[in-house]
């Protein structure tokens, strides 16, 4: 079921969101000081292109630098990417097939606003670590 959800996601939303994150990553890598933002954008690009079956969890090593970096990310790139998720969600919600994908897009907005200090892992790894999984699942559960 995850594969079907990911294929539908890729066709209706994933590819376009992937392009936006890759563009954000390229723009962030232009300056040396913003390369960590580029790396974060590329990491999220890999997640948004094929999200079902994976989730993000907090890195235990995240600290004050991550917090400051997230504020800079929010100002420079985050709000635009969050807006793209919101617009995509609204467009997907028009159809019945798109409603679960619209919900998935809304659940990705916090990650697009605050990505530093997070890592993408398979759902099974998150469950083994005792973390509740909130990443949207395709119809039919996990």
Protein backbone atom coordinates (compact mmCIF):
# COMPACT_ATOMS: atom_id res chain seq x y z
CA UNK A 1 0.00 0.00 0.00
CA UNK A 2 2.94 2.35 0.70
CA UNK A 3 4.20 1.96 -2.85
CA UNK A 4 0.80 2.83 -4.32
CA UNK A 5 0.53 5.85 -2.03
CA UNK A 6 4.03 6.97 -2.97
CA UNK A 7 3.38 6.58 -6.71
CA UNK A 8 0.16 8.60 -6.51
CA UNK A 9 1.95 11.15 -4.32
CA UNK A 10 4.85 11.41 -6.78
CA UNK A 11 2.56 12.04 -9.74
CA UNK A 12 0.24 14.53 -8.03
CA UNK A 13 2.55 16.41 -5.67
CA UNK A 14 5.93 14.82 -4.97
CA UNK A 15 7.77 15.72 -8.16
CA UNK A 16 6.83 19.40 -8.02
CA UNK A 17 7.63 19.70 -4.33
CA UNK A 18 10.93 17.88 -4.94
CA UNK A 19 11.80 20.47 -7.59
CA UNK A 20 11.08 23.32 -5.17
CA UNK A 21 13.27 21.81 -2.44
CA UNK A 22 16.10 21.13 -4.90
CA UNK A 23 15.88 24.73 -6.13
CA UNK A 24 15.94 25.94 -2.52
CA UNK A 25 18.98 23.73 -1.88
CA UNK A 26 20.82 25.07 -4.90
CA UNK A 27 20.06 28.66 -3.89
CA UNK A 28 21.23 27.98 -0.34
CA UNK A 29 24.49 26.43 -1.55
CA UNK A 30 25.48 29.58 -3.44
CA UNK A 31 26.90 31.12 -0.25
CA UNK A 32 29.29 29.13 1.90
CA UNK A 33 27.59 30.13 5.14
CA UNK A 34 24.20 28.79 3.99
CA UNK A 35 25.42 25.38 2.79
CA UNK A 36 23.86 23.66 5.86
CA UNK A 37 20.50 24.99 4.65
CA UNK A 38 21.18 23.52 1.23
CA UNK A 39 21.95 20.14 2.77
CA UNK A 40 18.71 20.31 4.77
CA UNK A 41 16.76 21.23 1.64
CA UNK A 42 18.23 18.27 -0.28
CA UNK A 43 17.45 15.94 2.64
CA UNK A 44 13.83 17.10 2.71
CA UNK A 45 13.66 16.87 -1.09
CA UNK A 46 14.44 13.17 -0.80
CA UNK A 47 11.71 12.84 1.80
CA UNK A 48 8.95 14.75 -0.02
CA UNK A 49 9.45 12.86 -3.26
CA UNK A 50 8.66 9.47 -1.58
CA UNK A 51 7.32 10.13 1.97
CA UNK A 52 5.16 7.13 2.85
CA UNK A 53 7.00 4.57 4.92
CA UNK A 54 9.36 7.16 6.38
CA UNK A 55 9.14 9.82 9.05
CA UNK A 56 11.29 12.51 10.63
CA UNK A 57 12.55 12.42 14.19
CA UNK A 58 14.42 14.94 16.29
CA UNK A 59 18.19 14.62 16.44
CA UNK A 60 19.36 14.37 20.03
CA UNK A 61 22.40 16.52 19.21
CA UNK A 62 20.38 19.56 18.12
CA UNK A 63 21.12 22.64 20.18
CA UNK A 64 21.08 26.42 20.16
CA UNK A 65 22.82 26.61 16.77
CA UNK A 66 20.04 24.52 15.27
CA UNK A 67 17.43 26.82 16.79
CA UNK A 68 19.12 29.91 15.32
CA UNK A 69 19.56 28.16 11.98
CA UNK A 70 15.87 27.29 11.91
CA UNK A 71 14.94 30.93 12.48
CA UNK A 72 17.16 31.97 9.53
CA UNK A 73 15.70 29.11 7.43
CA UNK A 74 12.18 30.24 8.27
CA UNK A 75 12.91 33.79 7.11
CA UNK A 76 14.84 32.87 3.95
CA UNK A 77 13.25 29.68 2.60
CA UNK A 78 10.81 28.08 5.01
CA UNK A 79 7.74 30.22 4.58
CA UNK A 80 7.85 29.88 0.78
CA UNK A 81 8.09 26.10 0.97
CA UNK A 82 5.32 25.96 3.58
CA UNK A 83 3.15 28.06 1.28
CA UNK A 84 3.86 25.62 -1.57
CA UNK A 85 2.71 22.74 0.67
CA UNK A 86 -0.44 24.66 1.60
CA UNK A 87 -1.32 25.50 -2.02
CA UNK A 88 -0.64 21.91 -3.07
CA UNK A 89 -2.85 20.66 -0.23
CA UNK A 90 -5.70 22.94 -1.29
CA UNK A 91 -5.44 21.75 -4.90
CA UNK A 92 -5.29 18.10 -3.87
CA UNK A 93 -8.30 18.46 -1.58
CA UNK A 94 -10.50 19.13 -4.60
CA UNK A 95 -10.64 15.42 -5.46
CA UNK A 96 -11.50 12.47 -3.25
CA UNK A 97 -8.26 10.66 -4.13
CA UNK A 98 -6.31 13.79 -3.28
CA UNK A 99 -7.75 14.32 0.22
CA UNK A 100 -5.30 11.94 2.02
CA UNK A 101 -2.46 13.54 0.06
CA UNK A 102 -3.70 16.99 1.05
CA UNK A 103 -3.59 15.91 4.70
CA UNK A 104 -0.04 14.62 4.13
CA UNK A 105 0.95 18.00 2.69
CA UNK A 106 -0.46 19.85 5.68
CA UNK A 107 1.49 17.53 7.99
CA UNK A 108 4.70 18.37 6.10
CA UNK A 109 4.31 22.12 6.70
CA UNK A 110 6.03 22.09 10.14
CA UNK A 111 9.01 20.26 8.61
CA UNK A 112 9.24 22.82 5.82
CA UNK A 113 9.25 25.63 8.39
CA UNK A 114 11.65 24.07 10.93
CA UNK A 115 13.85 21.38 9.24
CA UNK A 116 17.17 21.62 11.03
CA UNK A 117 17.68 19.19 13.88
CA UNK A 118 15.52 16.52 12.21
CA UNK A 119 16.50 13.30 10.46
CA UNK A 120 14.54 11.14 8.03
CA UNK A 121 14.23 7.50 9.10
CA UNK A 122 12.05 4.52 8.15
CA UNK A 123 8.92 4.26 10.28
CA UNK A 124 10.15 0.97 11.72
CA UNK A 125 13.30 2.66 13.07
CA UNK A 126 11.22 5.38 14.73
CA UNK A 127 8.99 2.78 16.35
CA UNK A 128 12.02 0.81 17.57
CA UNK A 129 13.25 3.99 19.24
CA UNK A 130 9.86 4.36 20.94
CA UNK A 131 8.80 7.43 18.97
CA UNK A 132 5.14 7.86 18.04
CA UNK A 133 4.82 8.07 14.26
CA UNK A 134 2.75 10.99 12.96
CA UNK A 135 3.82 10.88 9.33
CA UNK A 136 0.73 10.47 7.18
CA UNK A 137 0.07 6.97 5.92
CA UNK A 138 -1.63 6.07 2.65
CA UNK A 139 -5.12 4.63 2.76
CA UNK A 140 -5.10 1.27 4.51
CA UNK A 141 -2.62 2.14 7.29
CA UNK A 142 1.05 1.26 7.37
